[in-house]
């Protein structure tokens, strides 16, 4: 299976990777304790069953959870998988505060081994997202030899990477621009239908679309908006557009520390809130996204989650921000940001307000957003210095430190995309105070929001938890540490002469680019069923020739860029 995408996996070490493509590879190489079905509900992976109060999994007070594990599972180097691996993985994260996973393991005090196939989670509080912790289980016999400081710092996982998953990373090229994964013949769900997956990053998505149409790829994510109608008409392809679990945002430097290098007006929520009225989201949908998006409101997208438990809060008409430049001007006036000298630019402490706005060079959609925002913001009396910069430089500015080694974020405004997990814990955690200089790219802090985050984390009743999460969205909507511009559509296409593709969520999600569900990689295969053991060698040769030709002709120019916070790279034109 030859897969094309437009976002380079940034790191094969699960403690360091941030891009969604990296997480997709993690889930192919490693298993979770609990995975996710097509309806987004938890399903056992390395766990033998979901723990419940009825089967003795959850204690009466909810603070002890016993998990039974699958038997006869082996690591890809032949070593047996046991309860010690599960306990090691979680304790390693908890004891060493390991990145994104630490936010997911809140309230887990430790994990104990009961026997070879049973572990006990000891919690300080009942844990609302217990069955939705996205944590890859690592082999103790390998990772126990790696100091946590190194694992969370510069450690590079080198192929072959050992996991229990359906595939194994066996080689990479050009800083992960090409990742080759071999099928695990001993996978506990059965050997995948294909022998090998080649994941290939394209800087130029037009070239990717051309390769897809020519038969050089079986599936691709990140189809250019302008190319999508052609792929829809291609008789050999199925093209799908779907809303993913994320949003495109305008982010602000909200850091209130003295070392911040952002404009001080951005520390004021009233200033940030006023800018909402100067954004025409409908125009962004039609102009920047050519209609393949819907207007955004909050950090949790609309129409993604099941109706039975939809985490999204839709602002009612009386509080919803509408495009009204006069209202934006009035709100800035009321907040004290007026043009005091009549030069056409509003002032802060007697000086004109000049704001840097950055879009990324690898994201043309966000560049179109930036041009629109610049015009609107300048029309309400702000001076905007709009630039297109490299993603790596933007990240460096976000997490800048001064000569004294202090956190000193050096930016004003940026345009990006951010995505969430099946459970809202991750996306909510990006705005808590303790994530400043970590997963919080806006460096926002609000004690009330922090307290509600702790509250929802221990609300076992999911409907009650939903009410708390709605209150959190209301706070973010008012404070506007970032502004949800749109919920963009992802564009994918896959070969019709292959079968077994699995969309997740069912009927409205993608077949790849979904690290919660990797079933397409396991089940998709040629309709003829003839590409098996005997054809595997020739397939590899063809792939090798295609890659060589691509390099020689210059169709693909690889772009090395860093990621952040499970950022979602948009389709490019």
Protein backbone atom coordinates (compact mmCIF):
# COMPACT_ATOMS: atom_id res chain seq x y z
CA UNK A 1 0.00 0.00 0.00
CA UNK A 2 1.49 3.30 -1.13
CA UNK A 3 0.23 6.25 0.91
CA UNK A 4 0.73 9.91 0.05
CA UNK A 5 0.30 12.79 2.47
CA UNK A 6 1.46 16.39 2.85
CA UNK A 7 2.59 16.45 6.48
CA UNK A 8 5.99 15.03 7.30
CA UNK A 9 6.10 12.88 10.48
CA UNK A 10 8.26 14.99 12.74
CA UNK A 11 9.60 12.37 15.17
CA UNK A 12 9.34 8.60 15.57
CA UNK A 13 9.91 8.88 19.33
CA UNK A 14 6.35 8.95 20.77
CA UNK A 15 7.45 11.27 23.58
CA UNK A 16 8.63 13.91 21.12
CA UNK A 17 6.37 13.67 18.08
CA UNK A 18 3.73 16.33 17.62
CA UNK A 19 2.37 15.98 14.09
CA UNK A 20 -0.73 13.88 13.48
CA UNK A 21 1.15 11.80 10.92
CA UNK A 22 3.60 10.83 13.65
CA UNK A 23 0.72 9.68 15.84
CA UNK A 24 -0.66 7.63 12.95
CA UNK A 25 2.67 5.82 12.70
CA UNK A 26 2.74 5.27 16.48
CA UNK A 27 -0.65 3.55 16.35
CA UNK A 28 0.48 1.37 13.47
CA UNK A 29 3.67 0.36 15.29
CA UNK A 30 2.31 0.19 18.85
CA UNK A 31 -1.03 -0.80 20.35
CA UNK A 32 -3.01 1.17 22.91
CA UNK A 33 -4.58 -0.40 25.96
CA UNK A 34 -7.97 0.71 24.64
CA UNK A 35 -8.56 1.76 21.06
CA UNK A 36 -11.57 3.25 19.31
CA UNK A 37 -14.31 1.73 17.19
CA UNK A 38 -15.87 3.40 14.14
CA UNK A 39 -18.48 5.06 16.34
CA UNK A 40 -15.62 6.47 18.48
CA UNK A 41 -16.51 4.26 21.45
CA UNK A 42 -13.65 2.58 23.38
CA UNK A 43 -12.73 -0.93 22.33
CA UNK A 44 -10.11 -3.33 23.76
CA UNK A 45 -6.70 -3.46 22.11
CA UNK A 46 -4.06 -4.88 24.45
CA UNK A 47 -6.74 -5.07 27.11
CA UNK A 48 -8.72 -8.32 26.92
CA UNK A 49 -11.97 -6.49 27.72
CA UNK A 50 -13.24 -3.11 28.81
CA UNK A 51 -13.30 -2.87 32.62
CA UNK A 52 -16.72 -2.18 34.13
CA UNK A 53 -18.17 -2.17 37.60
CA UNK A 54 -20.07 -5.32 36.66
CA UNK A 55 -16.99 -7.37 35.71
CA UNK A 56 -14.97 -6.14 38.67
CA UNK A 57 -12.88 -3.70 36.68
CA UNK A 58 -13.93 -0.53 38.50
CA UNK A 59 -14.03 -0.40 42.28
CA UNK A 60 -17.06 1.06 44.05
CA UNK A 61 -15.30 4.40 44.66
CA UNK A 62 -13.88 4.53 41.12
CA UNK A 63 -10.31 4.88 42.37
CA UNK A 64 -9.08 1.39 41.54
CA UNK A 65 -9.33 -0.09 38.05
CA UNK A 66 -8.30 -3.66 37.28
CA UNK A 67 -7.53 -4.40 33.64
CA UNK A 68 -7.22 -7.88 32.19
CA UNK A 69 -4.75 -8.15 29.30
CA UNK A 70 -4.62 -10.25 26.18
CA UNK A 71 -2.60 -13.44 26.30
CA UNK A 72 -0.23 -14.76 23.63
CA UNK A 73 0.71 -11.29 22.38
CA UNK A 74 4.36 -10.83 21.40
CA UNK A 75 6.56 -7.86 20.67
CA UNK A 76 7.88 -7.61 17.14
CA UNK A 77 11.27 -8.94 18.30
CA UNK A 78 9.64 -12.11 19.64
CA UNK A 79 9.63 -11.15 23.33
CA UNK A 80 6.35 -11.86 25.17
CA UNK A 81 4.08 -8.94 26.04
CA UNK A 82 3.14 -8.91 29.74
CA UNK A 83 1.55 -6.74 32.39
CA UNK A 84 5.00 -5.39 33.24
CA UNK A 85 5.07 -3.53 29.92
CA UNK A 86 1.79 -1.76 30.69
CA UNK A 87 2.84 -0.84 34.22
CA UNK A 88 6.26 0.35 33.01
CA UNK A 89 4.76 2.58 30.27
CA UNK A 90 2.33 4.37 32.54
CA UNK A 91 4.69 4.68 35.51
CA UNK A 92 7.45 5.99 33.21
CA UNK A 93 5.06 8.72 32.01
CA UNK A 94 3.71 9.56 35.47
CA UNK A 95 7.03 9.60 37.32
CA UNK A 96 8.81 11.66 34.66
CA UNK A 97 5.99 13.94 33.48
CA UNK A 98 6.41 12.83 29.88
CA UNK A 99 4.95 15.44 27.54
CA UNK A 100 1.45 15.17 26.11
CA UNK A 101 0.80 11.81 27.75
CA UNK A 102 1.22 13.35 31.21
CA UNK A 103 -1.88 15.48 30.64
CA UNK A 104 -3.84 12.37 29.68
CA UNK A 105 -2.79 10.41 32.78
CA UNK A 106 -4.03 12.97 35.31
CA UNK A 107 -5.19 11.27 38.56
CA UNK A 108 -3.25 8.05 37.83
CA UNK A 109 -1.06 7.59 40.92
CA UNK A 110 0.64 4.43 39.71
CA UNK A 111 0.06 1.10 37.96
CA UNK A 112 0.78 -2.21 39.67
CA UNK A 113 1.32 -5.67 38.21
CA UNK A 114 -1.11 -8.23 39.66
CA UNK A 115 0.00 -11.11 37.45
CA UNK A 116 1.41 -11.54 33.95
CA UNK A 117 -1.91 -10.59 32.37
CA UNK A 118 -3.49 -8.24 34.92
CA UNK A 119 -2.67 -4.69 35.99
CA UNK A 120 -4.21 -2.43 38.59
CA UNK A 121 -4.50 1.33 38.11
CA UNK A 122 -4.49 3.25 41.39
CA UNK A 123 -6.16 6.63 41.00
CA UNK A 124 -6.27 9.66 43.27
CA UNK A 125 -9.73 10.55 41.91
CA UNK A 126 -12.27 8.86 39.66
CA UNK A 127 -11.07 9.47 36.11
CA UNK A 128 -13.54 10.52 33.41
CA UNK A 129 -11.34 9.70 30.43
CA UNK A 130 -9.92 6.42 31.74
CA UNK A 131 -11.06 4.40 28.72
CA UNK A 132 -9.90 7.12 26.33
CA UNK A 133 -6.29 7.63 27.34
CA UNK A 134 -4.34 7.69 24.07
CA UNK A 135 -1.14 6.10 25.36
CA UNK A 136 0.95 3.71 23.21
CA UNK A 137 2.21 0.74 25.23
CA UNK A 138 6.01 0.46 25.01
CA UNK A 139 8.29 -2.56 25.53
CA UNK A 140 9.89 -2.40 28.96
CA UNK A 141 12.90 -4.43 27.83
CA UNK A 142 13.84 -1.61 25.43
CA UNK A 143 12.63 1.63 26.99
CA UNK A 144 13.74 0.86 30.55
CA UNK A 145 17.31 1.36 29.35
CA UNK A 146 16.54 4.87 28.06
CA UNK A 147 16.75 7.66 30.69
CA UNK A 148 13.54 9.68 30.79
CA UNK A 149 15.42 12.95 30.35
CA UNK A 150 16.88 11.61 27.11
CA UNK A 151 13.56 10.11 25.97
CA UNK A 152 11.86 13.47 26.46
CA UNK A 153 14.75 15.41 24.98
CA UNK A 154 16.81 14.23 22.02
CA UNK A 155 16.36 10.46 21.84
CA UNK A 156 15.70 9.27 18.29
CA UNK A 157 13.86 5.98 17.78
CA UNK A 158 15.70 4.09 15.06
CA UNK A 159 14.29 1.34 12.82
CA UNK A 160 13.39 -1.37 13.30
CA UNK A 161 11.07 0.02 15.97
CA UNK A 162 9.68 -2.65 18.29
CA UNK A 163 5.98 -2.65 19.12
CA UNK A 164 3.01 -5.02 19.15
CA UNK A 165 1.08 -3.24 16.40
CA UNK A 166 0.00 -4.39 12.92
CA UNK A 167 3.05 -2.85 11.23
CA UNK A 168 6.66 -2.09 12.09
CA UNK A 169 8.82 0.82 10.95
CA UNK A 170 11.76 -0.83 9.20
CA UNK A 171 13.33 2.08 7.33
CA UNK A 172 13.09 5.82 6.74
CA UNK A 173 14.56 8.24 4.23
CA UNK A 174 15.10 11.99 4.08
CA UNK A 175 14.18 12.76 7.70
CA UNK A 176 10.99 10.67 7.64
CA UNK A 177 9.85 11.95 4.23
CA UNK A 178 9.56 8.27 3.34
CA UNK A 179 8.65 5.74 6.03
CA UNK A 180 8.49 2.03 5.18
CA UNK A 181 6.50 -0.29 7.47
CA UNK A 182 6.39 -4.09 7.23
CA UNK A 183 3.33 -6.10 8.24
CA UNK A 184 3.52 -7.91 11.57
CA UNK A 185 2.85 -11.60 10.75
CA UNK A 186 2.13 -12.35 14.42
CA UNK A 187 -0.29 -9.49 15.02
CA UNK A 188 -2.96 -10.51 17.53
CA UNK A 189 -5.79 -9.48 15.17
CA UNK A 190 -4.22 -11.51 12.36
CA UNK A 191 -1.66 -10.54 9.73
CA UNK A 192 -2.66 -7.41 7.78
CA UNK A 193 -3.89 -7.86 4.22
CA UNK A 194 -0.82 -6.15 2.72
CA UNK A 195 2.84 -6.95 3.25
CA UNK A 196 4.15 -3.40 3.33
CA UNK A 197 3.04 0.21 3.71
CA UNK A 198 5.09 3.03 2.20
CA UNK A 199 4.22 6.44 3.65
CA UNK A 200 5.47 9.23 1.40
CA UNK A 201 5.42 12.96 2.18
CA UNK A 202 4.88 15.44 -0.65
CA UNK A 203 5.76 19.08 -0.40
CA UNK A 204 3.82 19.74 -3.59
CA UNK A 205 0.32 18.23 -3.26
CA UNK A 206 -0.38 18.75 -6.98
CA UNK A 207 2.35 16.22 -7.69
CA UNK A 208 0.79 13.88 -5.15
CA UNK A 209 -2.57 14.13 -6.88
CA UNK A 210 -0.90 13.41 -10.21
CA UNK A 211 0.80 10.32 -8.78
CA UNK A 212 -2.52 9.15 -7.37
CA UNK A 213 -4.26 9.50 -10.73
CA UNK A 214 -1.38 7.72 -12.46
CA UNK A 215 -1.64 4.74 -10.11
CA UNK A 216 1.54 5.46 -8.17
CA UNK A 217 -0.41 5.70 -4.91
CA UNK A 218 -3.35 3.76 -3.50
CA UNK A 219 -4.53 6.51 -1.16
CA UNK A 220 -3.68 10.13 -0.43
CA UNK A 221 -4.54 12.77 2.17
CA UNK A 222 -4.13 16.51 1.70
CA UNK A 223 -5.60 16.76 -1.80
CA UNK A 224 -5.41 20.36 -3.11
CA UNK A 225 -8.80 22.05 -3.14
CA UNK A 226 -8.45 22.95 -6.82
CA UNK A 227 -7.60 19.36 -7.76
CA UNK A 228 -10.39 17.73 -5.80
CA UNK A 229 -13.16 18.08 -8.45
CA UNK A 230 -10.97 16.27 -10.97
CA UNK A 231 -10.42 13.39 -8.58
CA UNK A 232 -14.16 13.23 -7.91
CA UNK A 233 -14.66 12.62 -11.64
CA UNK A 234 -11.87 10.05 -11.95
CA UNK A 235 -13.50 6.63 -12.56
CA UNK A 236 -10.63 4.87 -10.80
CA UNK A 237 -10.82 6.82 -7.56
CA UNK A 238 -13.19 7.55 -4.70
CA UNK A 239 -12.73 11.10 -3.43
CA UNK A 240 -14.14 12.15 -0.06
CA UNK A 241 -14.39 15.48 1.75
CA UNK A 242 -15.06 15.34 5.47
CA UNK A 243 -14.86 17.46 8.58
CA UNK A 244 -12.14 16.29 10.89
CA UNK A 245 -11.75 16.75 14.63
CA UNK A 246 -10.05 20.12 14.56
CA UNK A 247 -10.25 23.77 13.62
CA UNK A 248 -8.27 26.50 11.88
CA UNK A 249 -7.46 29.29 14.25
CA UNK A 250 -6.07 32.75 14.71
CA UNK A 251 -3.86 32.51 17.79
CA UNK A 252 -2.66 35.30 20.08
CA UNK A 253 0.29 35.75 22.40
CA UNK A 254 -1.57 35.90 25.71
CA UNK A 255 1.45 35.51 27.99
CA UNK A 256 1.20 37.93 30.91
CA UNK A 257 4.74 37.39 32.18
CA UNK A 258 7.20 40.29 32.06
CA UNK A 259 9.40 38.44 29.58
CA UNK A 260 6.75 38.31 26.85
CA UNK A 261 7.83 39.90 23.58
CA UNK A 262 4.29 40.09 22.23
CA UNK A 263 2.30 43.29 22.02
CA UNK A 264 0.89 44.08 25.48
CA UNK A 265 -2.60 44.85 24.14
CA UNK A 266 -3.00 41.13 23.40
CA UNK A 267 -2.92 40.38 27.13
CA UNK A 268 -6.34 42.04 27.40
CA UNK A 269 -9.22 39.65 26.65
CA UNK A 270 -11.42 42.62 25.74
CA UNK A 271 -9.02 43.55 22.93
CA UNK A 272 -8.88 39.99 21.64
CA UNK A 273 -12.63 39.59 21.90
CA UNK A 274 -13.25 42.73 19.84
CA UNK A 275 -11.35 41.25 16.89
CA UNK A 276 -14.02 38.55 16.56
CA UNK A 277 -16.38 41.14 15.11
CA UNK A 278 -13.83 42.02 12.43
CA UNK A 279 -13.73 38.48 10.98
CA UNK A 280 -16.07 37.40 8.21
CA UNK A 281 -16.00 33.62 8.60
CA UNK A 282 -18.34 33.10 5.64
CA UNK A 283 -15.87 34.94 3.43
CA UNK A 284 -13.03 32.78 4.74
CA UNK A 285 -15.04 29.66 3.87
CA UNK A 286 -15.84 30.80 0.33
CA UNK A 287 -12.62 32.64 -0.55
CA UNK A 288 -9.83 30.88 1.33
CA UNK A 289 -11.33 27.37 1.37
CA UNK A 290 -13.41 27.47 -1.82
CA UNK A 291 -16.46 26.34 0.14
CA UNK A 292 -14.86 23.26 1.70
CA UNK A 293 -15.21 24.34 5.32
CA UNK A 294 -17.85 25.61 7.73
CA UNK A 295 -17.61 28.70 9.96
CA UNK A 296 -15.94 28.03 13.30
CA UNK A 297 -17.07 29.00 16.77
CA UNK A 298 -15.27 27.01 19.50
CA UNK A 299 -12.26 24.72 19.87
CA UNK A 300 -14.46 21.59 19.64
CA UNK A 301 -15.89 21.15 16.13
CA UNK A 302 -19.51 20.81 15.20
CA UNK A 303 -20.95 17.57 13.76
CA UNK A 304 -17.97 15.38 14.63
CA UNK A 305 -19.09 13.61 17.79
CA UNK A 306 -22.19 11.37 18.08
CA UNK A 307 -25.39 13.23 18.90
CA UNK A 308 -25.70 11.15 22.07
CA UNK A 309 -22.61 12.85 23.50
CA UNK A 310 -21.68 15.91 21.46
CA UNK A 311 -19.01 17.94 23.27
CA UNK A 312 -19.46 20.97 20.99
CA UNK A 313 -21.10 24.11 22.36
CA UNK A 314 -22.79 26.31 19.78
CA UNK A 315 -23.02 29.95 20.96
CA UNK A 316 -26.61 31.23 20.96
CA UNK A 317 -27.52 34.14 18.71
CA UNK A 318 -27.39 36.71 21.51
CA UNK A 319 -23.69 36.04 22.21
CA UNK A 320 -22.45 34.74 18.85
CA UNK A 321 -19.85 36.92 17.16
CA UNK A 322 -21.04 38.27 13.83
CA UNK A 323 -19.11 40.18 11.21
CA UNK A 324 -19.68 43.82 12.08
CA UNK A 325 -16.76 46.23 11.64
CA UNK A 326 -18.59 49.05 13.42
CA UNK A 327 -19.22 46.80 16.40
CA UNK A 328 -15.52 45.85 16.42
CA UNK A 329 -14.57 49.52 16.46
CA UNK A 330 -17.03 50.26 19.27
CA UNK A 331 -15.70 47.35 21.33
CA UNK A 332 -12.11 48.58 20.95
CA UNK A 333 -13.20 52.09 21.90
CA UNK A 334 -14.97 50.76 25.00
CA UNK A 335 -11.86 48.83 25.99
CA UNK A 336 -9.78 52.02 25.78
CA UNK A 337 -7.98 51.42 22.48
CA UNK A 338 -8.67 54.65 20.59
CA UNK A 339 -6.93 56.68 17.93
CA UNK A 340 -5.83 59.53 20.16
CA UNK A 341 -3.78 61.49 17.62
CA UNK A 342 -5.96 61.13 14.53
CA UNK A 343 -3.36 59.29 12.42
CA UNK A 344 -5.78 56.45 11.63
CA UNK A 345 -4.15 53.90 13.96
CA UNK A 346 -5.41 53.05 17.43
CA UNK A 347 -3.02 53.62 20.32
CA UNK A 348 -1.77 51.74 23.35
CA UNK A 349 -0.27 54.00 26.02
CA UNK A 350 0.23 56.73 23.45
CA UNK A 351 1.85 54.55 20.77
CA UNK A 352 0.27 53.15 17.60
CA UNK A 353 -0.76 49.51 17.87
CA UNK A 354 1.35 47.53 15.41
CA UNK A 355 0.76 43.76 15.34
CA UNK A 356 2.67 41.03 13.58
CA UNK A 357 0.47 38.45 11.83
CA UNK A 358 2.14 35.28 10.55
CA UNK A 359 0.95 32.58 8.18
CA UNK A 360 3.02 29.53 7.30
CA UNK A 361 4.87 29.17 4.01
CA UNK A 362 3.71 25.54 3.63
CA UNK A 363 0.03 26.40 4.04
CA UNK A 364 -1.50 28.47 1.21
CA UNK A 365 -4.97 28.27 2.75
CA UNK A 366 -3.78 30.03 5.89
CA UNK A 367 -1.98 32.58 3.71
CA UNK A 368 -5.28 33.48 2.09
CA UNK A 369 -6.78 33.73 5.59
CA UNK A 370 -3.97 36.11 6.51
CA UNK A 371 -4.60 38.47 3.64
CA UNK A 372 -8.28 38.71 4.51
CA UNK A 373 -7.60 39.25 8.22
CA UNK A 374 -5.03 41.95 7.46
CA UNK A 375 -7.55 43.97 5.45
CA UNK A 376 -10.28 43.65 8.08
CA UNK A 377 -8.03 44.50 11.03
CA UNK A 378 -6.54 47.50 9.30
CA UNK A 379 -10.04 48.76 8.51
CA UNK A 380 -10.78 48.98 12.26
CA UNK A 381 -7.66 51.01 13.01
CA UNK A 382 -4.88 48.49 13.66
CA UNK A 383 -1.59 48.42 11.81
CA UNK A 384 -0.78 44.88 10.70
CA UNK A 385 2.60 43.60 9.58
CA UNK A 386 1.61 40.47 7.69
CA UNK A 387 4.31 37.93 6.83
CA UNK A 388 4.54 34.37 5.54
CA UNK A 389 7.19 32.48 7.47
CA UNK A 390 8.56 28.98 7.81
CA UNK A 391 6.74 26.76 10.28
CA UNK A 392 9.97 25.93 12.12
CA UNK A 393 10.69 29.61 12.67
CA UNK A 394 7.18 30.17 13.99
CA UNK A 395 7.63 27.39 16.53
CA UNK A 396 10.96 28.83 17.63
CA UNK A 397 9.29 32.20 18.18
CA UNK A 398 6.43 30.61 20.13
CA UNK A 399 8.82 28.88 22.53
CA UNK A 400 11.54 31.49 22.51
CA UNK A 401 13.80 31.90 25.54
CA UNK A 402 15.83 34.99 26.41
CA UNK A 403 19.51 35.19 27.31
CA UNK A 404 18.66 34.29 30.90
CA UNK A 405 16.93 31.11 29.80
CA UNK A 406 13.45 32.46 30.60
CA UNK A 407 10.37 31.76 28.52
CA UNK A 408 9.93 34.80 26.27
CA UNK A 409 7.39 34.16 23.50
CA UNK A 410 8.23 36.42 20.59
CA UNK A 411 5.11 36.73 18.41
CA UNK A 412 1.77 38.53 18.24
CA UNK A 413 -0.67 36.57 16.04
CA UNK A 414 -0.46 33.41 13.93
CA UNK A 415 -2.73 31.25 11.77
CA UNK A 416 -2.63 27.49 12.29
CA UNK A 417 -4.75 24.39 12.68
CA UNK A 418 -5.13 22.24 15.76
CA UNK A 419 -6.79 18.88 16.18
CA UNK A 420 -8.13 16.88 19.09
CA UNK A 421 -8.58 13.29 20.17
CA UNK A 422 -11.71 11.17 20.53
CA UNK A 423 -11.89 12.45 24.09
CA UNK A 424 -11.76 16.26 24.53
CA UNK A 425 -9.12 16.10 27.30
CA UNK A 426 -6.19 16.92 25.02
CA UNK A 427 -7.66 19.93 23.25
CA UNK A 428 -8.98 21.32 26.54
CA UNK A 429 -5.57 20.86 28.18
CA UNK A 430 -3.93 23.16 25.61
CA UNK A 431 -5.37 26.13 27.49
CA UNK A 432 -4.53 25.30 31.11
CA UNK A 433 -1.86 27.30 32.88
CA UNK A 434 0.49 24.38 33.47
CA UNK A 435 0.76 23.83 29.71
CA UNK A 436 2.38 27.24 29.12
CA UNK A 437 5.71 26.63 27.36
CA UNK A 438 4.52 23.15 26.54
CA UNK A 439 1.32 22.39 24.59
CA UNK A 440 -0.19 25.87 24.98
CA UNK A 441 0.86 27.85 21.94
CA UNK A 442 -1.12 30.90 23.15
CA UNK A 443 0.38 30.87 26.69
CA UNK A 444 -3.09 31.54 28.09
CA UNK A 445 -4.01 31.37 31.77
CA UNK A 446 -7.35 31.59 33.57
CA UNK A 447 -7.73 30.12 37.10
CA UNK A 448 -11.46 29.50 36.65
CA UNK A 449 -10.80 27.56 33.46
CA UNK A 450 -8.05 25.56 35.22
CA UNK A 451 -10.44 24.62 38.02
CA UNK A 452 -13.11 23.48 35.56
CA UNK A 453 -10.53 21.37 33.74
CA UNK A 454 -9.81 19.56 36.99
CA UNK A 455 -13.53 19.21 37.67
CA UNK A 456 -14.42 17.63 34.32
CA UNK A 457 -11.48 15.25 34.57
CA UNK A 458 -13.11 13.48 37.52
CA UNK A 459 -16.75 13.58 36.38
CA UNK A 460 -17.61 9.98 35.58
CA UNK A 461 -21.15 10.91 34.55
CA UNK A 462 -20.42 11.98 30.96
CA UNK A 463 -23.49 14.20 30.64
CA UNK A 464 -22.47 16.13 33.76
CA UNK A 465 -18.96 16.32 32.37
CA UNK A 466 -20.36 17.69 29.14
CA UNK A 467 -21.98 20.57 31.03
CA UNK A 468 -18.62 21.44 32.59
CA UNK A 469 -16.89 21.31 29.21
CA UNK A 470 -19.54 23.63 27.80
CA UNK A 471 -18.73 26.12 30.57
CA UNK A 472 -15.06 25.85 29.61
CA UNK A 473 -15.88 26.61 25.98
CA UNK A 474 -17.89 29.65 27.08
CA UNK A 475 -14.84 31.00 28.94
CA UNK A 476 -12.59 30.49 25.93
CA UNK A 477 -15.19 32.05 23.66
CA UNK A 478 -15.24 35.17 25.81
CA UNK A 479 -11.49 35.38 26.48
CA UNK A 480 -10.52 34.44 22.92
CA UNK A 481 -6.94 33.23 23.49
CA UNK A 482 -7.40 32.01 19.96
CA UNK A 483 -10.28 32.43 17.53
CA UNK A 484 -11.77 29.47 15.70
CA UNK A 485 -11.98 30.70 12.10
CA UNK A 486 -13.41 27.65 10.35
CA UNK A 487 -13.82 23.90 10.63
CA UNK A 488 -12.08 22.91 7.39
CA UNK A 489 -12.74 19.75 5.43
CA UNK A 490 -10.07 17.15 4.88
CA UNK A 491 -9.75 15.90 1.32
CA UNK A 492 -8.77 12.30 0.58
CA UNK A 493 -8.97 9.93 -2.36
CA UNK A 494 -8.34 6.21 -2.65
CA UNK A 495 -8.22 3.57 -5.36
CA UNK A 496 -11.44 1.81 -6.36
CA UNK A 497 -9.55 -1.33 -7.36
CA UNK A 498 -8.76 -1.83 -3.69
CA UNK A 499 -11.32 -2.91 -1.11
CA UNK A 500 -11.48 -2.99 2.67
CA UNK A 501 -11.18 0.77 3.25
CA UNK A 502 -12.63 1.75 6.63
CA UNK A 503 -13.96 5.25 7.33
CA UNK A 504 -13.81 6.54 10.89
CA UNK A 505 -16.07 7.94 12.20
CA UNK A 506 -18.27 5.61 10.16
CA UNK A 507 -19.71 7.15 6.99
CA UNK A 508 -18.32 10.63 7.70
CA UNK A 509 -14.62 10.29 8.45
CA UNK A 510 -11.47 9.55 6.49
CA UNK A 511 -9.92 6.21 5.60
CA UNK A 512 -6.43 7.34 6.65
CA UNK A 513 -4.98 10.30 8.54
CA UNK A 514 -6.81 9.15 11.64
CA UNK A 515 -4.58 7.95 14.45
CA UNK A 516 -7.58 6.81 16.48
CA UNK A 517 -8.49 4.09 13.98
CA UNK A 518 -5.97 2.40 11.66
CA UNK A 519 -8.25 -0.31 10.25
CA UNK A 520 -7.78 0.73 6.62
CA UNK A 521 -4.11 -0.22 6.84
CA UNK A 522 -5.05 -3.61 8.27
CA UNK A 523 -7.89 -4.57 5.94
CA UNK A 524 -7.49 -2.71 2.62
CA UNK A 525 -6.14 -4.81 -0.27
CA UNK A 526 -6.41 -5.13 -4.05
CA UNK A 527 -9.81 -6.30 -5.24
CA UNK A 528 -8.19 -9.15 -7.20
CA UNK A 529 -6.43 -10.39 -4.06
CA UNK A 530 -3.41 -11.27 -6.17
CA UNK A 531 -0.91 -8.92 -4.53
CA UNK A 532 0.18 -11.27 -1.78
CA UNK A 533 3.32 -13.19 -0.95
CA UNK A 534 4.44 -13.86 -4.52
CA UNK A 535 3.71 -10.34 -5.68
CA UNK A 536 5.23 -8.62 -2.68
CA UNK A 537 8.75 -8.53 -4.07
CA UNK A 538 7.69 -7.02 -7.36
CA UNK A 539 5.54 -4.45 -5.58
CA UNK A 540 8.55 -3.37 -3.57
CA UNK A 541 10.59 -3.08 -6.75
CA UNK A 542 7.91 -0.94 -8.41
CA UNK A 543 7.73 1.31 -5.36
CA UNK A 544 11.49 1.65 -5.37
CA UNK A 545 11.51 2.59 -9.05
CA UNK A 546 8.71 5.09 -8.56
CA UNK A 547 10.52 6.73 -5.66
CA UNK A 548 13.77 6.82 -7.62
CA UNK A 549 12.02 8.38 -10.60
CA UNK A 550 10.38 10.96 -8.38
CA UNK A 551 13.73 11.97 -6.96
CA UNK A 552 15.44 12.11 -10.38
CA UNK A 553 12.67 14.03 -12.13
CA UNK A 554 12.30 16.40 -9.22
CA UNK A 555 8.55 15.88 -8.80
CA UNK A 556 8.83 15.93 -5.04
CA UNK A 557 10.93 18.35 -3.03
CA UNK A 558 10.93 17.33 0.59
CA UNK A 559 10.24 19.99 3.17
CA UNK A 560 11.76 19.53 6.58
CA UNK A 561 9.64 21.23 9.16
CA UNK A 562 8.92 20.93 12.79
CA UNK A 563 5.51 20.35 14.34
CA UNK A 564 3.64 21.33 17.41
CA UNK A 565 0.64 20.24 19.45
CA UNK A 566 -0.73 17.68 17.01
CA UNK A 567 -0.95 20.43 14.47
CA UNK A 568 -3.01 19.64 11.41
CA UNK A 569 -1.43 20.57 8.07
CA UNK A 570 -4.00 21.77 5.59
CA UNK A 571 -4.37 20.99 1.91
CA UNK A 572 -2.18 23.16 -0.26
CA UNK A 573 -2.54 24.61 -3.73
